[in-house]
Amino acid sequence: MTKKQSLFDFYNLQELEDAGRDSSLKNSFLHSLRGKSLAYKRYSKSPLRYGGGKSLAVGLIVEHFPDDIKRLISPFMGGGSVEIASAVELDLEVKAFDIFDILVNFWQVLCADSLKLYDELYTLEPTKETYAIIKEELRGHYKNETSLDSLTLARDYYFNFNLSYGPGFLGWISKIYEDKTR
């Protein structure tokens, strides 16, 4: 994320020849997302359940995409539901940004080498003790007291994010993860 792009350059008007195919992908996706009690079901392909996320609004947002859209530029990646749906379901080029650098690092590592991230996460046991260690690593990195390599930072962020109750690495471990029988 060294170079910022204009948020107004959404797509090049010269590249609109596949509008029919794009419209068909969009309509097919929206049909598959239709809900029973709500207009659309939750889009659940993001690995992050992000506070304030748009997983329930993906269908409502995609409805408003122009049929000839080629690229989505998103200034607020967060949990990435709209961005993932746009890339995976609509075959759009996606440029995503976020102000939270630790979150951006997580997405960059996940996209670059998801298997390596998985292997790193697999080594961690979800205990109160491990949670406390990871929380301190994140806090130290955030306060510039220590530096973590990008893989470790992504691992720590995801581990903490999924076990935390409360505001991210300022929160505490959720009680359900302390119960080994669950």
Protein backbone atom coordinates (compact mmCIF):
# COMPACT_ATOMS: atom_id res chain seq x y z
CA MET A 1 0.00 0.00 0.00
CA THR A 2 2.65 2.49 -0.89
CA LYS A 3 0.83 4.13 -3.79
CA LYS A 4 -2.65 5.55 -3.27
CA GLN A 5 -5.00 5.57 -6.22
CA SER A 6 -7.79 7.98 -6.97
CA LEU A 7 -11.10 6.78 -5.58
CA PHE A 8 -12.84 8.32 -8.59
CA ASP A 9 -11.09 6.19 -11.22
CA PHE A 10 -13.45 3.25 -10.75
CA TYR A 11 -13.19 1.82 -14.24
CA ASN A 12 -11.94 2.69 -17.65
CA LEU A 13 -14.82 3.48 -19.98
CA GLN A 14 -12.85 1.98 -22.90
CA GLU A 15 -13.12 -1.53 -21.37
CA LEU A 16 -16.87 -2.11 -21.42
CA GLU A 17 -17.23 -4.79 -24.11
CA ASP A 18 -18.09 -7.62 -21.67
CA ALA A 19 -21.04 -5.84 -20.03
CA GLY A 20 -23.49 -8.64 -20.88
CA ARG A 21 -21.32 -11.30 -19.24
CA ASP A 22 -20.78 -9.07 -16.23
CA SER A 23 -24.52 -8.46 -15.86
CA SER A 24 -25.15 -12.19 -16.05
CA LEU A 25 -22.57 -12.91 -13.31
CA LYS A 26 -24.08 -10.22 -11.12
CA ASN A 27 -27.65 -11.46 -11.57
CA SER A 28 -26.65 -15.08 -11.00
CA PHE A 29 -24.77 -14.17 -7.82
CA LEU A 30 -27.63 -12.06 -6.47
CA HIS A 31 -30.07 -14.90 -7.19
CA SER A 32 -27.87 -17.36 -5.26
CA LEU A 33 -27.74 -14.96 -2.31
CA ARG A 34 -31.51 -14.45 -2.01
CA GLY A 35 -32.83 -15.03 1.49
CA LYS A 36 -36.12 -16.15 2.96
CA SER A 37 -36.71 -13.66 5.76
CA LEU A 38 -34.22 -11.02 4.56
CA ALA A 39 -33.67 -9.83 1.01
CA TYR A 40 -30.24 -11.52 0.99
CA LYS A 41 -28.41 -14.08 3.10
CA ARG A 42 -25.13 -13.34 4.82
CA TYR A 43 -22.12 -13.67 2.51
CA SER A 44 -19.85 -15.93 4.53
CA LYS A 45 -16.64 -16.37 2.54
CA SER A 46 -14.59 -13.85 4.52
CA PRO A 47 -12.34 -15.33 7.21
CA LEU A 48 -13.05 -12.29 9.43
CA ARG A 49 -16.33 -11.57 11.16
CA TYR A 50 -15.65 -7.85 11.38
CA GLY A 51 -17.51 -5.45 13.67
CA GLY A 52 -19.51 -3.11 11.44
CA GLY A 53 -18.90 -5.48 8.56
CA LYS A 54 -21.02 -5.70 5.46
CA SER A 55 -21.56 -9.48 5.20
CA LEU A 56 -25.35 -9.05 5.46
CA ALA A 57 -25.34 -6.10 3.07
CA VAL A 58 -23.32 -7.65 0.21
CA GLY A 59 -26.39 -8.32 -1.94
CA LEU A 60 -27.84 -4.88 -1.28
CA ILE A 61 -24.52 -3.24 -2.21
CA VAL A 62 -23.87 -5.37 -5.31
CA GLU A 63 -27.37 -4.51 -6.60
CA HIS A 64 -26.11 -0.95 -7.08
CA PHE A 65 -22.99 -1.88 -9.05
CA PRO A 66 -23.17 -0.77 -12.67
CA ASP A 67 -23.55 -3.75 -15.02
CA ASP A 68 -20.36 -2.76 -16.82
CA ILE A 69 -18.13 -2.40 -13.76
CA LYS A 70 -14.62 -3.83 -14.21
CA ARG A 71 -12.89 -2.82 -10.99
CA LEU A 72 -13.86 -2.09 -7.40
CA ILE A 73 -11.77 0.29 -5.33
CA SER A 74 -12.61 0.03 -1.66
CA PRO A 75 -11.31 2.55 0.88
CA PHE A 76 -12.51 0.51 3.90
CA MET A 77 -11.54 -3.17 3.56
CA GLY A 78 -12.36 -4.28 7.09
CA GLY A 79 -13.67 -7.86 6.96
CA GLY A 80 -13.68 -7.79 3.18
CA SER A 81 -17.09 -9.33 2.45
CA VAL A 82 -17.95 -6.98 -0.42
CA GLU A 83 -14.41 -7.13 -1.77
CA ILE A 84 -14.22 -10.94 -1.67
CA ALA A 85 -17.66 -11.29 -3.26
CA SER A 86 -16.65 -8.84 -5.98
CA ALA A 87 -13.44 -10.72 -6.79
CA VAL A 88 -14.68 -14.30 -6.37
CA GLU A 89 -18.29 -14.12 -7.52
CA LEU A 90 -18.18 -11.25 -10.03
CA ASP A 91 -14.62 -11.69 -11.32
CA LEU A 92 -13.81 -8.03 -10.69
CA GLU A 93 -10.39 -6.54 -10.12
CA VAL A 94 -10.39 -5.28 -6.53
CA LYS A 95 -8.13 -2.64 -5.01
CA ALA A 96 -8.76 -2.51 -1.26
CA PHE A 97 -7.40 -0.15 1.36
CA ASP A 98 -7.74 0.34 5.10
CA ILE A 99 -6.19 2.73 7.60
CA PHE A 100 -5.49 -0.08 10.13
CA ASP A 101 -2.03 -1.30 9.12
CA ILE A 102 -2.19 -4.55 11.11
CA LEU A 103 -5.40 -5.49 9.30
CA VAL A 104 -3.85 -4.58 5.93
CA ASN A 105 -0.86 -6.78 6.77
CA PHE A 106 -3.20 -9.69 7.58
CA TRP A 107 -4.90 -9.44 4.17
CA GLN A 108 -1.57 -9.12 2.35
CA VAL A 109 -0.15 -12.23 4.05
CA LEU A 110 -3.38 -14.18 3.53
CA CYS A 111 -3.39 -13.35 -0.19
CA ALA A 112 0.33 -14.04 -0.63
CA ASP A 113 0.61 -17.35 1.24
CA SER A 114 -2.52 -18.62 2.98
CA LEU A 115 -1.02 -22.09 3.59
CA LYS A 116 1.95 -20.68 5.48
CA LEU A 117 -0.43 -18.58 7.59
CA TYR A 118 -2.56 -21.68 8.23
CA ASP A 119 0.51 -23.66 9.32
CA GLU A 120 1.51 -20.89 11.74
CA LEU A 121 -2.00 -20.69 13.21
CA TYR A 122 -2.19 -24.47 13.55
CA THR A 123 0.73 -24.40 16.02
CA LEU A 124 -1.19 -22.21 18.48
CA GLU A 125 -3.44 -23.70 21.12
CA PRO A 126 -6.40 -21.47 22.02
CA THR A 127 -5.69 -21.15 25.75
CA LYS A 128 -5.78 -18.21 28.11
CA GLU A 129 -1.98 -18.37 28.38
CA THR A 130 -1.38 -18.36 24.61
CA TYR A 131 -3.94 -15.60 24.21
CA ALA A 132 -2.09 -13.46 26.78
CA ILE A 133 1.26 -13.97 25.00
CA ILE A 134 -0.21 -13.09 21.59
CA LYS A 135 -2.02 -10.07 23.01
CA GLU A 136 1.24 -8.73 24.46
CA GLU A 137 3.08 -9.31 21.18
CA LEU A 138 0.40 -7.33 19.34
CA ARG A 139 0.35 -4.57 21.93
CA GLY A 140 4.15 -4.27 21.78
CA HIS A 141 4.09 -4.11 18.00
CA TYR A 142 1.29 -1.53 17.99
CA LYS A 143 3.20 0.69 20.43
CA ASN A 144 6.43 0.31 18.40
CA GLU A 145 8.16 -1.35 21.36
CA THR A 146 8.92 -4.42 19.27
CA SER A 147 8.71 -5.43 15.64
CA LEU A 148 7.05 -8.57 14.30
CA ASP A 149 7.66 -10.01 10.85
CA SER A 150 4.62 -9.87 8.57
CA LEU A 151 3.71 -13.57 8.95
CA THR A 152 3.88 -13.48 12.76
CA LEU A 153 1.90 -10.25 12.84
CA ALA A 154 -0.81 -11.74 10.58
CA ARG A 155 -0.91 -14.92 12.67
CA ASP A 156 -1.17 -12.98 15.92
CA TYR A 157 -3.85 -10.66 14.55
CA TYR A 158 -6.06 -13.50 13.28
CA PHE A 159 -5.60 -15.60 16.44
CA ASN A 160 -6.43 -12.66 18.69
CA PHE A 161 -9.27 -11.40 16.51
CA ASN A 162 -11.07 -14.74 16.55
CA LEU A 163 -10.65 -15.46 20.25
CA SER A 164 -11.18 -11.95 21.55
CA TYR A 165 -14.24 -10.60 23.24
CA GLY A 166 -14.07 -6.85 23.36
CA PRO A 167 -12.15 -4.32 21.29
CA GLY A 168 -9.53 -6.40 19.47
CA PHE A 169 -6.23 -6.78 21.25
CA LEU A 170 -7.52 -4.59 24.05
CA GLY A 171 -10.19 -7.20 24.79
CA TRP A 172 -10.08 -10.51 26.61
CA ILE A 173 -10.38 -14.16 25.60
CA SER A 174 -13.93 -15.33 25.07
CA LYS A 175 -15.00 -17.88 27.71
CA ILE A 176 -16.11 -20.42 25.09
CA TYR A 177 -12.47 -21.00 24.09
CA GLU A 178 -11.43 -21.74 27.66
CA ASP A 179 -13.76 -24.77 27.78
CA LYS A 180 -11.78 -27.73 26.37
CA THR A 181 -14.95 -29.83 26.01
CA ARG A 182 -16.43 -27.49 23.40
